[in-house]
Amino acid sequence: MIELLFVVCLSSEPASCRDRSLLFTEEIGLMGCMMGAQTQLAKWVETHPQERIASWRCKPAGSPERAA
């Protein structure tokens, strides 16, 4: 499983950020995640207009690495 890990910040408070993630249940691999990430993040932003994405990355699910 691959995880799309991203950091979101409030548009009104840019210093107020938190980690979020989406899991890809298909075996798409890291390259597939990288190719599809922008589409998934755009959908997420549409439903969370008060937040902006500061950074993102793909990684194997369960890995302790952070998006920062």
PDB file of N, CA and C in Angstrom:
ATOM      1  N   MET A   1       0.848  -1.172   0.000  1.00  0.00           N
ATOM      2  CA  MET A   1       0.000   0.000   0.000  1.00  0.00           C
ATOM      3  C   MET A   1       0.899   1.242   0.000  1.00  0.00           C
ATOM      4  N   ILE A   2       0.453   2.272  -0.697  1.00  0.00           N
ATOM      5  CA  ILE A   2       1.195   3.523  -0.812  1.00  0.00           C
ATOM      6  C   ILE A   2       0.395   4.632  -0.136  1.00  0.00           C
ATOM      7  N   GLU A   3       1.101   5.518   0.552  1.00  0.00           N
ATOM      8  CA  GLU A   3       0.475   6.621   1.263  1.00  0.00           C
ATOM      9  C   GLU A   3       0.889   7.945   0.627  1.00  0.00           C
ATOM     10  N   LEU A   4      -0.085   8.790   0.392  1.00  0.00           N
ATOM     11  CA  LEU A   4       0.162  10.154  -0.049  1.00  0.00           C
ATOM     12  C   LEU A   4       0.094  11.005   1.209  1.00  0.00           C
ATOM     13  N   LEU A   5       1.226  11.463   1.661  1.00  0.00           N
ATOM     14  CA  LEU A   5       1.330  12.239   2.889  1.00  0.00           C
ATOM     15  C   LEU A   5       1.484  13.702   2.505  1.00  0.00           C
ATOM     16  N   PHE A   6       0.663  14.579   3.114  1.00  0.00           N
ATOM     17  CA  PHE A   6       0.743  15.989   2.777  1.00  0.00           C
ATOM     18  C   PHE A   6       0.537  16.858   4.007  1.00  0.00           C
ATOM     19  N   VAL A   7       1.077  18.060   3.952  1.00  0.00           N
ATOM     20  CA  VAL A   7       0.965  19.027   5.035  1.00  0.00           C
ATOM     21  C   VAL A   7      -0.003  20.108   4.584  1.00  0.00           C
ATOM     22  N   VAL A   8      -1.005  20.380   5.405  1.00  0.00           N
ATOM     23  CA  VAL A   8      -1.970  21.431   5.098  1.00  0.00           C
ATOM     24  C   VAL A   8      -1.865  22.528   6.147  1.00  0.00           C
ATOM     25  N   CYS A   9      -2.056  23.763   5.700  1.00  0.00           N
ATOM     26  CA  CYS A   9      -2.018  24.927   6.580  1.00  0.00           C
ATOM     27  C   CYS A   9      -3.305  25.719   6.372  1.00  0.00           C
ATOM     28  N   LEU A  10      -3.772  26.333   7.434  1.00  0.00           N
ATOM     29  CA  LEU A  10      -4.938  27.195   7.311  1.00  0.00           C
ATOM     30  C   LEU A  10      -4.580  28.406   6.475  1.00  0.00           C
ATOM     31  N   SER A  11      -5.434  28.775   5.553  1.00  0.00           N
ATOM     32  CA  SER A  11      -5.179  29.947   4.720  1.00  0.00           C
ATOM     33  C   SER A  11      -5.118  31.211   5.568  1.00  0.00           C
ATOM     34  N   SER A  12      -5.944  31.288   6.603  1.00  0.00           N
ATOM     35  CA  SER A  12      -5.982  32.468   7.463  1.00  0.00           C
ATOM     36  C   SER A  12      -4.861  32.484   8.497  1.00  0.00           C
ATOM     37  N   GLU A  13      -4.246  31.326   8.773  1.00  0.00           N
ATOM     38  CA  GLU A  13      -3.139  31.214   9.730  1.00  0.00           C
ATOM     39  C   GLU A  13      -2.067  30.305   9.146  1.00  0.00           C
ATOM     40  N   PRO A  14      -1.201  30.825   8.289  1.00  0.00           N
ATOM     41  CA  PRO A  14      -0.209  29.998   7.593  1.00  0.00           C
ATOM     42  C   PRO A  14       0.710  29.198   8.514  1.00  0.00           C
ATOM     43  N   ALA A  15       0.878  29.617   9.757  1.00  0.00           N
ATOM     44  CA  ALA A  15       1.743  28.884  10.682  1.00  0.00           C
ATOM     45  C   ALA A  15       1.023  27.703  11.328  1.00  0.00           C
ATOM     46  N   SER A  16      -0.282  27.624  11.150  1.00  0.00           N
ATOM     47  CA  SER A  16      -1.070  26.536  11.735  1.00  0.00           C
ATOM     48  C   SER A  16      -1.195  25.401  10.712  1.00  0.00           C
ATOM     49  N   CYS A  17      -0.301  24.413  10.830  1.00  0.00           N
ATOM     50  CA  CYS A  17      -0.237  23.327   9.855  1.00  0.00           C
ATOM     51  C   CYS A  17      -0.372  21.973  10.542  1.00  0.00           C
ATOM     52  N   ARG A  18      -0.766  20.973   9.753  1.00  0.00           N
ATOM     53  CA  ARG A  18      -0.869  19.609  10.273  1.00  0.00           C
ATOM     54  C   ARG A  18      -0.665  18.609   9.146  1.00  0.00           C
ATOM     55  N   ASP A  19      -0.296  17.403   9.529  1.00  0.00           N
ATOM     56  CA  ASP A  19      -0.109  16.318   8.562  1.00  0.00           C
ATOM     57  C   ASP A  19      -1.443  15.660   8.253  1.00  0.00           C
ATOM     58  N   ARG A  20      -1.628  15.295   7.005  1.00  0.00           N
ATOM     59  CA  ARG A  20      -2.797  14.540   6.550  1.00  0.00           C
ATOM     60  C   ARG A  20      -2.273  13.452   5.620  1.00  0.00           C
ATOM     61  N   SER A  21      -3.097  12.455   5.341  1.00  0.00           N
ATOM     62  CA  SER A  21      -2.663  11.431   4.394  1.00  0.00           C
ATOM     63  C   SER A  21      -3.853  10.777   3.713  1.00  0.00           C
ATOM     64  N   LEU A  22      -3.577  10.224   2.546  1.00  0.00           N
ATOM     65  CA  LEU A  22      -4.525   9.422   1.783  1.00  0.00           C
ATOM     66  C   LEU A  22      -3.821   8.119   1.452  1.00  0.00           C
ATOM     67  N   LEU A  23      -4.533   7.024   1.561  1.00  0.00           N
ATOM     68  CA  LEU A  23      -3.962   5.721   1.231  1.00  0.00           C
ATOM     69  C   LEU A  23      -4.474   5.263  -0.123  1.00  0.00           C
ATOM     70  N   PHE A  24      -3.571   4.718  -0.912  1.00  0.00           N
ATOM     71  CA  PHE A  24      -3.940   4.091  -2.172  1.00  0.00           C
ATOM     72  C   PHE A  24      -3.993   2.594  -1.913  1.00  0.00           C
ATOM     73  N   THR A  25      -5.164   2.011  -2.009  1.00  0.00           N
ATOM     74  CA  THR A  25      -5.311   0.587  -1.724  1.00  0.00           C
ATOM     75  C   THR A  25      -4.858  -0.286  -2.881  1.00  0.00           C
ATOM     76  N   GLU A  26      -4.834   0.282  -4.067  1.00  0.00           N
ATOM     77  CA  GLU A  26      -4.348  -0.471  -5.222  1.00  0.00           C
ATOM     78  C   GLU A  26      -2.828  -0.555  -5.150  1.00  0.00           C
ATOM     79  N   GLU A  27      -2.290  -1.512  -5.805  1.00  0.00           N
ATOM     80  CA  GLU A  27      -0.833  -1.620  -5.882  1.00  0.00           C
ATOM     81  C   GLU A  27      -0.329  -0.757  -7.033  1.00  0.00           C
ATOM     82  N   ILE A  28      -0.364   0.550  -6.825  1.00  0.00           N
ATOM     83  CA  ILE A  28       0.027   1.462  -7.906  1.00  0.00           C
ATOM     84  C   ILE A  28       1.514   1.792  -7.872  1.00  0.00           C
ATOM     85  N   GLY A  29       2.163   1.579  -6.757  1.00  0.00           N
ATOM     86  CA  GLY A  29       3.584   1.878  -6.635  1.00  0.00           C
ATOM     87  C   GLY A  29       3.831   3.359  -6.402  1.00  0.00           C
ATOM     88  N   LEU A  30       5.057   3.684  -6.066  1.00  0.00           N
ATOM     89  CA  LEU A  30       5.419   5.071  -5.782  1.00  0.00           C
ATOM     90  C   LEU A  30       5.273   5.965  -7.008  1.00  0.00           C
ATOM     91  N   MET A  31       5.651   5.469  -8.177  1.00  0.00           N
ATOM     92  CA  MET A  31       5.541   6.280  -9.393  1.00  0.00           C
ATOM     93  C   MET A  31       4.075   6.576  -9.703  1.00  0.00           C
ATOM     94  N   GLY A  32       3.216   5.605  -9.545  1.00  0.00           N
ATOM     95  CA  GLY A  32       1.789   5.825  -9.766  1.00  0.00           C
ATOM     96  C   GLY A  32       1.224   6.856  -8.802  1.00  0.00           C
ATOM     97  N   CYS A  33       1.688   6.810  -7.563  1.00  0.00           N
ATOM     98  CA  CYS A  33       1.265   7.802  -6.574  1.00  0.00           C
ATOM     99  C   CYS A  33       1.726   9.191  -6.995  1.00  0.00           C
ATOM    100  N   MET A  34       2.978   9.306  -7.402  1.00  0.00           N
ATOM    101  CA  MET A  34       3.509  10.600  -7.816  1.00  0.00           C
ATOM    102  C   MET A  34       2.732  11.159  -9.011  1.00  0.00           C
ATOM    103  N   MET A  35       2.349  10.292  -9.923  1.00  0.00           N
ATOM    104  CA  MET A  35       1.631  10.734 -11.119  1.00  0.00           C
ATOM    105  C   MET A  35       0.192  11.138 -10.808  1.00  0.00           C
ATOM    106  N   GLY A  36      -0.432  10.484  -9.834  1.00  0.00           N
ATOM    107  CA  GLY A  36      -1.822  10.769  -9.513  1.00  0.00           C
ATOM    108  C   GLY A  36      -2.033  11.709  -8.343  1.00  0.00           C
ATOM    109  N   ALA A  37      -0.969  12.104  -7.688  1.00  0.00           N
ATOM    110  CA  ALA A  37      -1.085  12.906  -6.466  1.00  0.00           C
ATOM    111  C   ALA A  37      -1.760  14.251  -6.701  1.00  0.00           C
ATOM    112  N   GLN A  38      -1.384  14.966  -7.731  1.00  0.00           N
ATOM    113  CA  GLN A  38      -1.951  16.293  -7.946  1.00  0.00           C
ATOM    114  C   GLN A  38      -3.456  16.246  -8.144  1.00  0.00           C
ATOM    115  N   THR A  39      -3.941  15.236  -8.840  1.00  0.00           N
ATOM    116  CA  THR A  39      -5.382  15.082  -9.035  1.00  0.00           C
ATOM    117  C   THR A  39      -6.074  14.837  -7.705  1.00  0.00           C
ATOM    118  N   GLN A  40      -5.520  13.942  -6.899  1.00  0.00           N
ATOM    119  CA  GLN A  40      -6.114  13.630  -5.590  1.00  0.00           C
ATOM    120  C   GLN A  40      -6.073  14.844  -4.666  1.00  0.00           C
ATOM    121  N   LEU A  41      -4.972  15.570  -4.680  1.00  0.00           N
ATOM    122  CA  LEU A  41      -4.845  16.751  -3.828  1.00  0.00           C
ATOM    123  C   LEU A  41      -5.796  17.858  -4.274  1.00  0.00           C
ATOM    124  N   ALA A  42      -5.999  18.005  -5.570  1.00  0.00           N
ATOM    125  CA  ALA A  42      -6.946  19.004  -6.079  1.00  0.00           C
ATOM    126  C   ALA A  42      -8.362  18.681  -5.615  1.00  0.00           C
ATOM    127  N   LYS A  43      -8.735  17.413  -5.633  1.00  0.00           N
ATOM    128  CA  LYS A  43     -10.056  17.009  -5.132  1.00  0.00           C
ATOM    129  C   LYS A  43     -10.183  17.310  -3.646  1.00  0.00           C
ATOM    130  N   TRP A  44      -9.117  17.065  -2.901  1.00  0.00           N
ATOM    131  CA  TRP A  44      -9.140  17.303  -1.453  1.00  0.00           C
ATOM    132  C   TRP A  44      -9.312  18.797  -1.174  1.00  0.00           C
ATOM    133  N   VAL A  45      -8.577  19.639  -1.904  1.00  0.00           N
ATOM    134  CA  VAL A  45      -8.650  21.091  -1.700  1.00  0.00           C
ATOM    135  C   VAL A  45     -10.054  21.617  -2.006  1.00  0.00           C
ATOM    136  N   GLU A  46     -10.727  21.035  -2.988  1.00  0.00           N
ATOM    137  CA  GLU A  46     -12.092  21.467  -3.322  1.00  0.00           C
ATOM    138  C   GLU A  46     -13.033  21.328  -2.138  1.00  0.00           C
ATOM    139  N   THR A  47     -12.823  20.326  -1.311  1.00  0.00           N
ATOM    140  CA  THR A  47     -13.700  20.098  -0.156  1.00  0.00           C
ATOM    141  C   THR A  47     -13.158  20.728   1.128  1.00  0.00           C
ATOM    142  N   HIS A  48     -11.984  21.337   1.058  1.00  0.00           N
ATOM    143  CA  HIS A  48     -11.371  22.003   2.219  1.00  0.00           C
ATOM    144  C   HIS A  48     -10.836  23.377   1.782  1.00  0.00           C
ATOM    145  N   PRO A  49     -11.719  24.290   1.356  1.00  0.00           N
ATOM    146  CA  PRO A  49     -11.267  25.563   0.790  1.00  0.00           C
ATOM    147  C   PRO A  49     -10.545  26.480   1.784  1.00  0.00           C
ATOM    148  N   GLN A  50     -10.710  26.248   3.065  1.00  0.00           N
ATOM    149  CA  GLN A  50     -10.059  27.087   4.066  1.00  0.00           C
ATOM    150  C   GLN A  50      -8.605  26.679   4.310  1.00  0.00           C
ATOM    151  N   GLU A  51      -8.144  25.604   3.653  1.00  0.00           N
ATOM    152  CA  GLU A  51      -6.792  25.116   3.852  1.00  0.00           C
ATOM    153  C   GLU A  51      -6.027  25.102   2.523  1.00  0.00           C
ATOM    154  N   ARG A  52      -4.705  25.152   2.639  1.00  0.00           N
ATOM    155  CA  ARG A  52      -3.858  25.054   1.445  1.00  0.00           C
ATOM    156  C   ARG A  52      -2.807  23.973   1.706  1.00  0.00           C
ATOM    157  N   ILE A  53      -2.349  23.353   0.666  1.00  0.00           N
ATOM    158  CA  ILE A  53      -1.346  22.292   0.794  1.00  0.00           C
ATOM    159  C   ILE A  53       0.037  22.921   0.717  1.00  0.00           C
ATOM    160  N   ALA A  54       0.830  22.689   1.755  1.00  0.00           N
ATOM    161  CA  ALA A  54       2.170  23.269   1.836  1.00  0.00           C
ATOM    162  C   ALA A  54       3.218  22.352   1.202  1.00  0.00           C
ATOM    163  N   SER A  55       3.052  21.043   1.354  1.00  0.00           N
ATOM    164  CA  SER A  55       3.986  20.085   0.764  1.00  0.00           C
ATOM    165  C   SER A  55       3.322  18.720   0.709  1.00  0.00           C
ATOM    166  N   TRP A  56       3.883  17.838  -0.111  1.00  0.00           N
ATOM    167  CA  TRP A  56       3.358  16.480  -0.206  1.00  0.00           C
ATOM    168  C   TRP A  56       4.441  15.544  -0.688  1.00  0.00           C
ATOM    169  N   ARG A  57       4.223  14.249  -0.432  1.00  0.00           N
ATOM    170  CA  ARG A  57       5.137  13.216  -0.928  1.00  0.00           C
ATOM    171  C   ARG A  57       4.435  11.868  -0.865  1.00  0.00           C
ATOM    172  N   CYS A  58       4.929  10.939  -1.613  1.00  0.00           N
ATOM    173  CA  CYS A  58       4.435   9.561  -1.603  1.00  0.00           C
ATOM    174  C   CYS A  58       5.459   8.697  -0.888  1.00  0.00           C
ATOM    175  N   LYS A  59       4.977   7.703  -0.143  1.00  0.00           N
ATOM    176  CA  LYS A  59       5.859   6.811   0.574  1.00  0.00           C
ATOM    177  C   LYS A  59       5.140   5.503   0.822  1.00  0.00           C
ATOM    178  N   PRO A  60       5.885   4.450   1.135  1.00  0.00           N
ATOM    179  CA  PRO A  60       5.222   3.198   1.517  1.00  0.00           C
ATOM    180  C   PRO A  60       4.397   3.418   2.782  1.00  0.00           C
ATOM    181  N   ALA A  61       3.178   2.915   2.805  1.00  0.00           N
ATOM    182  CA  ALA A  61       2.314   3.078   3.972  1.00  0.00           C
ATOM    183  C   ALA A  61       2.958   2.464   5.201  1.00  0.00           C
ATOM    184  N   GLY A  62       2.831   3.176   6.322  1.00  0.00           N
ATOM    185  CA  GLY A  62       3.382   2.679   7.570  1.00  0.00           C
ATOM    186  C   GLY A  62       4.802   3.138   7.841  1.00  0.00           C
ATOM    187  N   SER A  63       5.449   3.727   6.857  1.00  0.00           N
ATOM    188  CA  SER A  63       6.813   4.238   7.039  1.00  0.00           C
ATOM    189  C   SER A  63       6.746   5.448   7.976  1.00  0.00           C
ATOM    190  N   PRO A  64       7.682   5.570   8.918  1.00  0.00           N
ATOM    191  CA  PRO A  64       7.619   6.647   9.898  1.00  0.00           C
ATOM    192  C   PRO A  64       8.003   8.028   9.366  1.00  0.00           C
ATOM    193  N   GLU A  65       8.377   8.159   8.113  1.00  0.00           N
ATOM    194  CA  GLU A  65       8.802   9.444   7.547  1.00  0.00           C
ATOM    195  C   GLU A  65       7.658  10.431   7.503  1.00  0.00           C
ATOM    196  N   ARG A  66       7.978  11.719   7.604  1.00  0.00           N
ATOM    197  CA  ARG A  66       6.993  12.789   7.560  1.00  0.00           C
ATOM    198  C   ARG A  66       7.051  13.515   6.224  1.00  0.00           C
ATOM    199  N   ALA A  67       6.025  14.312   5.923  1.00  0.00           N
ATOM    200  CA  ALA A  67       5.939  15.032   4.656  1.00  0.00           C
ATOM    201  C   ALA A  67       6.826  16.261   4.605  1.00  0.00           C
ATOM    202  N   ALA A  68       7.096  16.851   5.729  1.00  0.00           N
ATOM    203  CA  ALA A  68       7.837  18.121   5.801  1.00  0.00           C
ATOM    204  C   ALA A  68       8.937  18.151   4.809  1.00  0.00           C
TER     205      ALA A  68
END
